Protein backbone atom coordinates (compact mmCIF):
# COMPACT_ATOMS: atom_id res chain seq x y z
CA MET A 1 -24.67 -5.31 -8.84
CA THR A 2 -23.63 -1.86 -10.13
CA THR A 3 -20.89 -1.29 -12.61
CA VAL A 4 -19.19 2.13 -12.26
CA GLN A 5 -17.22 3.50 -15.12
CA PHE A 6 -14.21 5.32 -13.75
CA ASN A 7 -11.85 7.02 -16.17
CA ILE A 8 -8.45 7.65 -14.62
CA PRO A 9 -6.48 10.40 -16.52
CA THR A 10 -2.97 9.42 -17.62
CA ILE A 11 -0.04 11.37 -18.63
CA ASP A 12 -0.15 9.71 -22.02
CA GLU A 13 -3.62 11.27 -22.66
CA GLY A 14 -2.39 14.65 -21.73
CA LEU A 15 -5.19 15.01 -19.13
CA ALA A 16 -3.03 15.23 -16.13
CA LEU A 17 -0.04 17.14 -17.61
CA ASP A 18 0.76 18.42 -20.99
CA THR A 19 4.07 17.75 -22.73
CA GLU A 20 5.67 20.99 -21.40
CA GLN A 21 4.53 20.20 -17.92
CA VAL A 22 5.89 16.69 -18.01
CA THR A 23 9.26 18.02 -19.21
CA ASN A 24 9.36 20.53 -16.44
CA ASN A 25 7.83 18.33 -13.71
CA PRO A 26 10.02 18.51 -10.58
CA LEU A 27 9.69 14.76 -10.17
CA THR A 28 12.02 14.28 -13.10
CA ASP A 29 14.65 16.58 -11.68
CA THR A 30 14.68 15.66 -7.96
CA GLU A 31 15.59 12.42 -6.24
CA GLU A 32 12.34 12.06 -4.28
CA GLU A 33 8.74 12.67 -4.97
CA ASN A 34 7.75 16.01 -3.45
CA ASP A 35 4.74 15.87 -1.06
CA ASP A 36 4.44 19.66 -1.34
CA HIS A 37 1.96 19.64 -4.11
CA VAL A 38 -1.68 20.73 -4.57
CA LEU A 39 -3.10 17.37 -3.67
CA GLN A 40 -4.52 17.24 -0.07
CA ILE A 41 -6.88 15.09 2.02
CA THR A 42 -9.55 16.00 4.42
CA PHE A 43 -11.70 13.33 6.15
CA ASP A 44 -14.01 15.22 8.38
CA PRO A 45 -16.45 17.83 6.72
CA HIS A 46 -16.19 19.95 9.88
CA VAL A 47 -12.41 19.72 10.09
CA GLN A 48 -10.45 22.96 10.60
CA ALA A 49 -7.62 23.89 8.50
CA ALA A 50 -5.24 23.14 11.35
CA ARG A 51 -5.92 19.40 10.77
CA ARG A 52 -5.18 19.16 7.15
CA ARG A 53 -2.27 17.03 6.01
CA LYS A 54 -0.53 16.59 2.63
CA SER A 55 -1.42 13.57 0.59
CA SER A 56 -2.34 12.55 -2.92
CA ILE A 57 -6.05 12.17 -2.31
CA VAL A 58 -7.98 15.38 -3.03
CA SER A 59 -7.42 17.70 -5.96
CA VAL A 60 -7.73 21.37 -5.32
CA ASP A 61 -7.98 24.43 -7.50
CA GLU A 62 -5.85 27.46 -7.38
CA MET A 63 -7.67 28.86 -4.39
CA GLY A 64 -7.33 25.68 -2.44
CA ASN A 65 -10.85 24.43 -2.80
CA PRO A 66 -11.32 20.72 -3.48
CA LEU A 67 -12.44 19.64 -6.90
CA LEU A 68 -15.20 17.18 -6.04
CA PRO A 69 -17.03 15.04 -8.55
CA ASN A 70 -20.26 13.37 -7.36
CA PHE A 71 -19.85 9.89 -5.90
CA PHE A 72 -22.26 6.95 -6.07
CA ASN A 73 -23.56 7.11 -2.51
CA ASP A 74 -26.94 5.80 -3.79
CA HIS A 75 -25.50 3.38 -6.30
CA ASN A 76 -27.68 0.49 -4.99
CA ASN A 77 -30.77 2.54 -5.89
CA ASN A 78 -29.65 3.77 -9.25
CA ASP A 79 -29.41 0.56 -11.31
CA SER A 80 -32.20 1.69 -13.54
CA GLY A 81 -30.80 5.21 -14.03
CA SER A 82 -29.25 6.46 -17.17
CA SER A 83 -25.74 5.37 -17.93
CA GLY A 84 -24.65 9.03 -17.85
CA ASP A 85 -25.19 9.07 -14.11
CA LYS A 86 -22.84 6.19 -13.70
CA VAL A 87 -19.95 7.61 -15.76
CA MET A 88 -17.59 9.61 -13.72
CA SER A 89 -14.53 11.43 -14.76
CA ALA A 90 -11.63 11.86 -12.35
CA SER A 91 -10.20 15.20 -11.67
CA ALA A 92 -7.30 16.08 -14.03
CA LYS A 93 -4.90 16.63 -11.18
CA SER A 94 -5.36 13.25 -9.47
CA SER A 95 -4.70 10.04 -11.29
CA CYS A 96 -4.19 7.83 -8.19
CA PHE A 97 -6.76 5.12 -8.24
CA VAL A 98 -7.41 4.57 -4.55
CA HIS A 99 -7.09 8.17 -3.46
CA THR A 100 -9.17 9.66 -6.20
CA LEU A 101 -12.01 7.27 -5.05
CA LEU A 102 -11.48 8.34 -1.50
CA GLU A 103 -11.96 11.93 -2.72
CA MET A 104 -15.20 10.90 -4.41
CA ARG A 105 -16.40 8.81 -1.44
CA ASN A 106 -16.15 11.63 1.10
CA GLN A 107 -18.02 14.85 1.20
CA PHE A 108 -15.78 17.80 1.81
CA VAL A 109 -16.12 21.57 2.65
CA PRO A 110 -14.00 24.11 0.89
CA VAL A 111 -10.66 24.70 2.71
CA GLY A 112 -8.08 27.35 2.01
CA GLY A 113 -7.83 30.96 1.12
CA GLY A 114 -9.50 33.40 -1.33
CA ASN A 115 -13.17 34.14 -1.26
CA GLY A 116 -13.98 30.49 -0.62
CA SER A 117 -16.44 29.52 2.20
CA GLY A 118 -13.87 27.35 3.98
CA ARG A 119 -12.19 28.41 7.07
CA GLU A 120 -8.77 30.11 6.53
CA VAL A 121 -5.72 29.68 8.61
CA GLU A 122 -4.94 32.97 10.28
CA GLY A 123 -1.55 34.08 9.48
CA LYS A 124 1.11 32.81 7.16
CA GLU A 125 3.21 31.52 10.11
CA GLU A 126 0.35 29.48 11.42
CA GLU A 127 -0.28 27.85 8.06
CA LYS A 128 3.47 27.20 7.59
CA ARG A 129 3.48 25.48 11.02
CA VAL A 130 0.49 23.30 10.24
CA VAL A 131 1.98 22.11 6.94
CA GLU A 132 5.36 21.35 8.52
CA ALA A 133 3.73 19.46 11.42
CA HIS A 134 2.04 17.17 9.01
CA ARG A 135 4.71 16.53 6.45
CA ASN A 136 5.77 13.21 7.97
CA PRO A 137 2.84 10.63 7.68
CA PRO A 138 3.91 8.50 10.81
CA PHE A 139 3.26 11.53 13.12
CA MET A 140 -0.43 11.83 13.25
CA THR A 141 -2.65 12.49 16.20
CA LYS A 142 -4.87 9.68 17.36
CA SER A 143 -7.92 11.40 15.93
CA GLU A 144 -6.25 11.85 12.45
CA LEU A 145 -5.17 8.29 12.36
CA SER A 146 -8.67 7.04 13.17
CA ASP A 147 -10.19 9.29 10.54
CA MET A 148 -7.61 8.00 7.98
CA VAL A 149 -8.31 4.24 8.58
CA LEU A 150 -12.07 4.86 8.73
CA GLY A 151 -11.95 6.48 5.36
CA VAL A 152 -9.98 3.61 3.76
CA ARG A 153 -12.20 0.99 5.56
CA GLU A 154 -15.44 2.48 4.27
CA LEU A 155 -14.04 2.77 0.69
CA SER A 156 -12.78 -0.86 0.79
CA LYS A 157 -16.32 -2.05 1.78
CA HIS A 158 -17.89 -0.27 -1.18
CA LEU A 159 -15.23 -1.37 -3.73
CA ALA A 160 -15.54 -4.96 -2.74
CA SER A 161 -19.24 -5.20 -3.86
CA ILE A 162 -19.01 -3.28 -7.27
CA GLN A 163 -17.16 -3.51 -10.48
CA ILE A 164 -15.20 -0.47 -11.66
CA LYS A 165 -14.30 0.34 -15.31
CA MET A 166 -10.98 1.92 -15.80
CA LYS A 167 -9.56 3.66 -18.81
CA VAL A 168 -6.28 1.75 -19.07
CA ARG A 169 -3.49 3.19 -21.20
CA ALA A 170 -0.27 2.37 -19.47
CA ILE A 171 0.31 -1.25 -18.23
CA MET A 172 3.28 -2.28 -16.19
CA ILE A 173 4.32 -5.96 -16.25
CA LEU A 174 6.26 -7.36 -13.27
CA THR A 175 7.80 -10.82 -13.33
CA LYS A 176 10.83 -12.85 -12.17
CA THR A 177 13.55 -11.87 -14.60
CA LEU A 178 15.77 -14.73 -13.45
CA ASP A 179 13.16 -17.38 -14.36
CA LYS A 180 13.42 -18.12 -18.18
CA ALA A 181 10.04 -19.65 -18.31
CA LEU A 182 8.43 -16.55 -16.85
CA VAL A 183 10.31 -14.27 -19.19
CA GLY A 184 8.89 -16.30 -22.02
CA TYR A 185 5.35 -15.82 -20.58
CA THR A 186 6.05 -12.05 -20.27
CA ARG A 187 6.98 -12.03 -23.96
CA ARG A 188 3.79 -13.71 -24.88
CA LEU A 189 1.74 -11.21 -22.82
CA VAL A 190 3.47 -8.25 -24.30
CA GLU A 191 2.88 -9.51 -27.80
CA TRP A 192 -0.81 -10.07 -27.15
CA LEU A 193 -1.19 -6.65 -25.60
CA LEU A 194 0.47 -4.83 -28.51
CA ASP A 195 -0.96 -6.88 -31.32
CA GLY A 196 -3.34 -5.50 -34.00
CA GLU A 197 -5.93 -2.85 -33.11
CA ARG A 198 -5.52 -3.52 -29.36
CA GLY A 199 -1.88 -2.49 -29.52
CA SER A 200 -2.74 1.06 -30.47
CA LYS A 201 -4.52 1.57 -27.07
CA TYR A 202 -1.76 0.56 -24.70
CA THR A 203 1.72 1.49 -23.72
CA VAL A 204 3.47 -1.47 -22.03
CA TYR A 205 6.28 -1.25 -19.65
CA VAL A 206 8.51 -4.15 -18.77
CA GLU A 207 11.61 -4.31 -16.45
CA ASN A 208 14.79 -2.67 -18.00
CA VAL A 209 16.78 -5.88 -17.58
CA LEU A 210 14.58 -7.54 -20.26
CA GLU A 211 15.85 -5.15 -23.00
CA ASP A 212 18.91 -7.32 -23.32
CA ALA A 213 17.48 -10.68 -22.28
CA PRO A 214 17.73 -13.24 -25.13
CA GLU A 215 14.58 -15.00 -23.91
CA PHE A 216 12.62 -11.91 -24.36
CA ASP A 217 14.10 -11.14 -27.74
CA VAL A 218 13.15 -7.46 -28.35
CA GLU A 219 14.37 -7.40 -31.93
CA GLY A 220 12.34 -10.40 -32.90
CA LEU A 221 9.26 -8.73 -31.17
CA VAL A 222 9.78 -5.53 -33.15
CA LYS A 223 10.21 -7.36 -36.37
CA LYS A 224 7.01 -9.25 -35.83
CA CYS A 225 5.21 -6.21 -34.64
CA PRO A 226 6.73 -2.87 -35.75
CA ARG A 227 4.48 -0.75 -33.63
CA CYS A 228 5.97 -2.39 -30.52
CA LYS A 229 9.01 -0.25 -30.91
CA SER A 230 7.08 2.95 -29.89
CA ARG A 231 4.60 1.33 -27.56
CA LEU A 232 7.07 -0.81 -25.50
CA HIS A 233 8.97 1.05 -22.66
CA TYR A 234 11.05 -0.03 -19.72
CA TRP A 235 10.59 0.64 -15.99
CA ASN A 236 13.00 0.58 -13.14
CA ALA A 237 12.63 0.90 -9.27
CA GLU A 238 13.37 4.61 -9.47
CA LEU A 239 10.50 5.20 -11.88
CA CYS A 240 8.04 3.32 -9.69
CA ALA A 241 9.18 5.29 -6.71
CA LYS A 242 9.15 8.74 -8.15
CA ARG A 243 6.33 8.52 -10.70
CA PRO A 244 3.87 5.83 -9.69
CA HIS A 245 1.13 7.71 -11.55
CA THR A 246 2.79 6.70 -14.80
CA PHE A 247 1.03 3.36 -14.71
CA ASP A 248 -2.72 2.61 -14.77
CA PHE A 249 -2.47 -1.14 -14.18
CA VAL A 250 0.10 -3.49 -12.89
CA ILE A 251 0.22 -7.09 -14.10
CA THR A 252 2.30 -9.60 -12.04
CA LEU A 253 3.45 -13.04 -13.37
CA GLY A 254 4.71 -15.15 -10.49
CA GLY A 255 3.72 -16.05 -7.01
CA ASP A 256 3.10 -14.25 -3.80
CA GLY A 257 6.61 -12.92 -3.65
CA THR A 258 6.12 -11.17 -6.98
CA VAL A 259 3.04 -9.46 -5.49
CA LEU A 260 4.97 -8.37 -2.43
CA TYR A 261 7.68 -6.96 -4.70
CA ALA A 262 5.03 -4.86 -6.45
CA SER A 263 4.00 -3.48 -3.01
CA TRP A 264 7.78 -2.84 -2.14
CA LEU A 265 8.32 -0.88 -5.48
CA PHE A 266 5.39 1.30 -4.83
CA GLN A 267 5.93 2.66 -1.32
CA LYS A 268 3.26 5.24 -1.76
CA VAL A 269 0.60 5.30 -4.43
CA VAL A 270 -0.04 1.76 -5.95
CA PRO A 271 -1.92 1.18 -9.20
CA PRO A 272 -4.37 -1.69 -9.24
CA VAL A 273 -2.54 -5.06 -9.38
CA PHE A 274 -3.74 -7.93 -11.51
CA SER A 275 -1.88 -11.06 -10.37
CA PHE A 276 -1.51 -14.31 -12.34
CA ALA A 277 -0.70 -17.47 -10.46
CA LEU A 278 2.73 -18.70 -11.78
CA GLY A 279 4.38 -19.40 -8.39
CA SER A 280 4.38 -22.05 -5.71
CA LEU A 281 1.47 -21.34 -3.47
CA GLY A 282 -0.54 -18.32 -4.39
CA PHE A 283 -2.44 -16.78 -1.60
CA LEU A 284 -2.44 -13.43 -3.42
CA THR A 285 -2.48 -14.61 -7.08
CA LYS A 286 -6.09 -14.92 -8.16
CA PHE A 287 -6.02 -15.67 -11.89
CA ASP A 288 -4.83 -18.52 -14.04
CA PHE A 289 -2.36 -17.48 -16.76
CA CYS A 290 -3.69 -20.14 -19.19
CA THR A 291 -6.77 -17.86 -19.66
CA PHE A 292 -5.05 -14.54 -19.53
CA GLU A 293 -6.59 -13.33 -22.88
CA ASP A 294 -10.20 -13.79 -21.58
CA ALA A 295 -9.29 -12.51 -18.01
CA LEU A 296 -7.68 -9.31 -19.24
CA SER A 297 -10.23 -8.66 -21.98
CA THR A 298 -13.10 -9.07 -19.61
CA ALA A 299 -11.42 -6.91 -16.98
CA ILE A 300 -10.87 -4.05 -19.27
CA ARG A 301 -14.16 -4.27 -21.00
CA ASP A 302 -16.57 -5.04 -18.07
CA GLY A 303 -14.56 -3.66 -15.15
CA VAL A 304 -12.80 -5.17 -12.13
CA THR A 305 -13.48 -5.67 -8.49
CA VAL A 306 -10.73 -4.25 -6.25
CA GLY A 307 -10.02 -5.24 -2.70
CA LEU A 308 -7.97 -2.63 -0.68
CA ARG A 309 -5.41 -4.55 1.39
CA LEU A 310 -4.24 -2.80 4.57
CA ARG A 311 -0.54 -1.89 4.64
CA PHE A 312 1.62 -0.84 7.49
CA GLU A 313 4.19 1.93 7.76
CA GLY A 314 7.11 1.17 9.92
CA THR A 315 9.43 3.88 11.04
CA ILE A 316 12.65 3.39 13.00
CA MET A 317 13.28 5.82 15.77
CA ARG A 318 16.97 6.15 16.71
CA GLY A 319 18.07 7.05 20.25
CA ILE A 320 20.45 10.01 20.13
CA LYS A 321 22.43 9.03 23.21
CA ASP A 322 26.00 7.79 22.79
CA LYS A 323 26.78 4.34 23.97
CA LYS A 324 28.99 5.67 26.70
CA ASP A 325 26.12 7.85 28.03
CA ILE A 326 23.68 4.82 28.20
CA ASP A 327 22.60 3.87 31.75
CA THR A 328 21.03 0.47 32.24
CA ASP A 329 18.74 2.06 34.83
CA MET A 330 17.13 4.37 32.25
CA ASP A 331 13.58 3.64 31.31
CA ILE A 332 12.81 3.91 27.61
CA SER A 333 8.96 4.13 28.40
CA ASP A 334 9.60 7.56 29.79
CA GLU A 335 11.17 8.72 26.59
CA ILE A 336 8.38 7.18 24.45
CA PHE A 337 5.45 8.61 26.46
CA SER A 338 7.02 11.93 27.51
CA GLY A 339 9.24 12.65 24.47
CA ALA A 340 7.39 15.71 23.28
CA ALA A 341 7.39 17.17 26.71
CA LEU A 342 11.14 16.72 27.30
CA SER A 343 13.37 19.84 26.97
CA GLN A 344 15.88 17.78 24.85
CA PRO A 345 14.86 15.38 22.08
CA THR A 346 15.48 11.73 22.81
CA HIS A 347 15.06 10.13 19.38
CA THR A 348 15.51 11.03 15.76
CA VAL A 349 13.62 9.62 12.72
CA GLY A 350 15.45 6.82 10.83
CA GLU A 351 14.39 4.65 7.95
CA SER A 352 10.67 4.20 7.06
CA PHE A 353 9.10 1.55 4.88
CA ILE A 354 5.59 0.47 3.95
CA VAL A 355 4.93 -3.23 4.01
CA LEU A 356 2.06 -5.54 2.85
CA ASN A 357 2.79 -8.61 5.00
CA GLU A 358 4.57 -8.01 8.22
CA ILE A 359 7.17 -6.31 10.20
CA VAL A 360 9.37 -8.64 12.27
CA VAL A 361 11.60 -7.69 15.22
CA ASP A 362 13.84 -10.75 16.14
CA ARG A 363 17.28 -11.62 17.71
CA GLY A 364 19.00 -11.66 14.42
CA PRO A 365 22.55 -13.32 14.57
CA ASN A 366 22.53 -13.15 18.34
CA ALA A 367 22.76 -16.51 19.99
CA THR A 368 20.44 -15.59 22.90
CA MET A 369 16.79 -14.58 22.94
CA SER A 370 15.93 -10.95 22.45
CA SER A 371 14.29 -8.76 25.13
CA THR A 372 12.01 -6.00 23.82
CA GLU A 373 9.11 -4.00 25.03
CA LEU A 374 5.73 -3.81 23.36
CA TYR A 375 3.69 -0.61 23.48
CA GLY A 376 0.23 0.13 22.12
CA ASP A 377 -0.63 3.88 21.82
CA ASP A 378 0.19 5.23 25.27
CA MET A 379 0.28 1.93 27.01
CA HIS A 380 2.96 -0.63 27.95
CA LEU A 381 1.51 -4.01 26.80
CA THR A 382 4.15 -6.46 27.81
CA THR A 383 7.90 -7.37 27.74
CA ILE A 384 8.67 -9.74 24.95
CA GLN A 385 11.43 -12.34 25.85
CA ALA A 386 11.42 -14.49 22.88
CA ASP A 387 13.14 -15.11 19.54
CA GLY A 388 11.15 -12.13 18.30
CA VAL A 389 7.77 -10.84 17.53
CA CYS A 390 5.74 -10.69 14.24
CA ILE A 391 3.49 -7.65 13.54
CA ALA A 392 1.32 -8.65 10.65
CA THR A 393 -1.42 -7.26 8.50
CA PRO A 394 -4.53 -9.41 7.67
CA THR A 395 -2.92 -10.13 4.27
CA GLY A 396 0.22 -11.29 6.06
CA SER A 397 -1.74 -13.55 8.41
CA THR A 398 -1.14 -16.53 5.99
CA ALA A 399 2.64 -15.92 5.93
CA TYR A 400 5.15 -15.63 8.85
CA ASN A 401 2.29 -14.87 11.22
CA LEU A 402 0.72 -18.32 10.58
CA ALA A 403 4.08 -20.10 11.03
CA ALA A 404 4.47 -18.25 14.42
CA GLY A 405 1.14 -19.58 15.63
CA GLY A 406 -0.95 -16.59 14.67
CA SER A 407 -4.51 -16.69 13.50
CA LEU A 408 -5.75 -16.60 9.91
CA CYS A 409 -7.42 -13.17 9.38
CA HIS A 410 -9.87 -12.31 6.56
CA PRO A 411 -8.48 -9.28 4.69
CA GLU A 412 -11.60 -7.10 5.29
CA ILE A 413 -11.01 -7.24 9.12
CA PRO A 414 -9.18 -3.97 10.09
CA ALA A 415 -6.63 -5.44 12.52
CA ILE A 416 -2.95 -5.56 13.69
CA LEU A 417 -1.95 -9.10 14.36
CA VAL A 418 0.89 -9.56 17.06
CA SER A 419 2.45 -13.06 17.27
CA PRO A 420 5.43 -13.91 19.47
CA ILE A 421 8.14 -16.03 17.94
CA CYS A 422 9.12 -18.85 20.19
CA ALA A 423 8.26 -16.97 23.32
CA HIS A 424 9.99 -18.11 26.52
CA THR A 425 6.66 -18.30 28.35
CA LEU A 426 3.43 -20.12 28.01
CA THR A 427 1.21 -17.06 28.78
CA PHE A 428 2.15 -14.84 25.79
CA ARG A 429 -0.61 -15.65 23.33
CA PRO A 430 -1.15 -13.99 19.83
CA LEU A 431 -3.04 -10.63 20.01
CA ILE A 432 -5.37 -8.95 17.50
CA LEU A 433 -5.35 -5.13 17.87
CA PRO A 434 -7.43 -2.50 16.09
CA ASP A 435 -5.79 -0.90 13.02
CA SER A 436 -6.11 2.58 14.60
CA MET A 437 -3.61 1.71 17.22
CA VAL A 438 0.09 2.67 16.99
CA VAL A 439 2.34 -0.16 17.93
CA ARG A 440 5.86 0.36 19.14
CA VAL A 441 8.50 -2.36 19.72
CA ALA A 442 11.55 -0.97 21.66
CA VAL A 443 14.89 -2.30 22.74
CA PRO A 444 15.35 -1.35 26.40
CA TYR A 445 18.56 0.08 27.73
CA ASP A 446 19.02 -2.97 30.01
CA ALA A 447 18.73 -5.50 27.16
CA ARG A 448 21.64 -7.92 26.87
CA ALA A 449 21.82 -7.71 23.08
CA THR A 450 20.47 -5.70 20.18
CA ALA A 451 17.51 -6.64 17.99
CA TRP A 452 16.92 -6.70 14.22
CA VAL A 453 14.02 -5.53 12.27
CA SER A 454 12.90 -6.57 8.74
CA PHE A 455 10.16 -5.25 6.53
CA ASP A 456 8.41 -7.83 4.41
CA GLY A 457 11.56 -9.93 4.64
CA ARG A 458 13.72 -7.09 3.25
CA GLN A 459 15.95 -4.37 4.64
CA ARG A 460 17.07 -6.09 7.80
CA ILE A 461 18.30 -3.28 10.07
CA GLU A 462 19.75 -3.42 13.53
CA LEU A 463 18.02 -1.85 16.51
CA ASN A 464 20.43 -0.73 19.22
CA LYS A 465 19.61 -0.23 22.86
CA GLY A 466 17.28 2.79 23.10
CA ASP A 467 15.88 2.40 19.53
CA TYR A 468 12.38 1.31 18.70
CA VAL A 469 10.18 0.86 15.59
CA MET A 470 6.84 2.54 15.32
CA ILE A 471 4.14 0.73 13.32
CA SER A 472 0.83 2.12 12.14
CA ALA A 473 -1.72 1.73 9.30
CA SER A 474 -0.52 3.30 6.09
CA ARG A 475 -2.64 5.80 4.28
CA PHE A 476 -1.56 4.02 1.00
CA PRO A 477 -3.41 0.65 0.83
CA PHE A 478 -2.69 -2.06 -1.75
CA PRO A 479 -5.52 -2.27 -4.44
CA ALA A 480 -5.51 -5.96 -5.59
CA VAL A 481 -7.94 -7.03 -8.44
CA GLN A 482 -10.21 -9.86 -7.10
CA SER A 483 -11.68 -12.73 -9.04
CA LYS A 484 -14.88 -12.60 -6.93
CA LEU A 485 -16.94 -10.00 -5.22
CA ASP A 486 -16.67 -9.28 -1.47
CA ASN A 487 -13.30 -10.96 -1.17
CA LYS A 488 -14.89 -14.38 -1.41
CA ASP A 489 -11.80 -15.71 -3.36
CA TRP A 490 -9.88 -15.48 -0.07
CA PHE A 491 -11.64 -18.67 1.22
CA ASP A 492 -10.80 -20.36 -2.10
CA SER A 493 -7.17 -19.43 -1.60
CA ILE A 494 -6.74 -21.08 1.86
CA ARG A 495 -8.72 -24.09 0.77
CA ARG A 496 -6.50 -24.51 -2.34
CA THR A 497 -3.16 -23.68 -0.79
CA MET A 498 -3.61 -25.17 2.72
CA ASN A 499 -6.41 -27.64 2.40
CA TRP A 500 -8.05 -25.62 5.05
CA GLY A 501 -10.84 -27.51 6.90
CA SER A 502 -10.33 -30.66 4.80
CA ARG A 503 -10.70 -34.07 6.48
CA PRO A 504 -12.58 -37.35 5.69
CA ARG A 505 -16.29 -36.71 6.45
CA GLN A 506 -17.59 -38.59 9.42
CA GLN A 507 -19.88 -41.39 8.46
CA ALA A 508 -23.46 -41.41 9.45
CA PHE A 509 -24.99 -44.11 11.60
CA SER A 510 -26.12 -47.02 9.48
């Protein structure tokens, strides 16, 4: 087994941005993170400039050429090599854990202008058109989506079998602030992280509501450890959304819901998540809090094994027709398949969310069953007449999908799980689709009632007649720290939480 040391630059170290740059960073002055930065992604070494899209994966220099460190393509054959060959330093302009590794995993050719050897986009208007066409992640071509999921899939396979050393400076702690016991555990963890010589290495972020919580007792913590005053900071949802690169490491104290909340906070880039089991079940929580000192010390000193969990991006497409103009004889399939060719647009982009577990379309408060249409890429798959349908990730296969009769799915399987909820037919069985497929669930114009969509159990939104939700693999996976290599702890989780496969053993013949 190879251990790779991977130093992720942080703002605190001044590697990514100096003090003046942080002060003048547009992210601190705007409401949303701007995708129009110098970080780009290219999956195919022969790709043309017209197929580039904005992302936070590849750092480029002023001329537009990627800054590429050497990756460990032959890491299995270099165990006897010098330690210097195994030490890699991330580019100063990219501090995203997953996406910097994607950069290092793939081989790129220079792209952009100047005297570089890459192909240039001819004309400023063409370059502007290409950038604008790829500004919204859901709208990828089939080839682009396939390239993206393949890149994440290959990286996940490599990460599952190695240990990675990270240079941790900023640690975010996420817990249930309404649970007094968990607030006490959080106080204990913060005190340990900031104690003694160890405390000079880390900056710890806790949720801002704990600043005034008597169970957390900030004043008592500062009296006991004066350096805590300068090393203890507070995070909120806005900071996670706008500046996810602030954190090198996320520690969750709770159950699966706390891990899901971490995914919800980081709708784009997600730092590695180290989860302690302090909840009810714990499919996603891999570590025992009773031994948190040894677990964290070992992880930081020897490295961690990271499993990349597939996430979905769900985008609501709103029909632009007024209710009075809706005709029950209209076919929404024509609008979905021929929308780009129609002279007048039929839909506009609505809300968009990234989920770790599932996207559910159901009947909501309506007393009757819902009627929706299911599409896969450019095919109509079936009409769903049921209470609803659950579109789940492999991670979500043990959640709502399982309750709806879907299959358990190992997290390394790249799949989209489709499970009907109380279908009014015996022939609609659960489906497993490839992760490169774009799934759409639409409310037809002749439906008797509307439908409702929820994202990881949050943000329930009504879908009117003519609306649909578009679901595809997200380019921002969820990096979860594993307790064992190759995601073997997944089998431990289903045995521990569900007694999977347990029964009295059949006796042998006497």
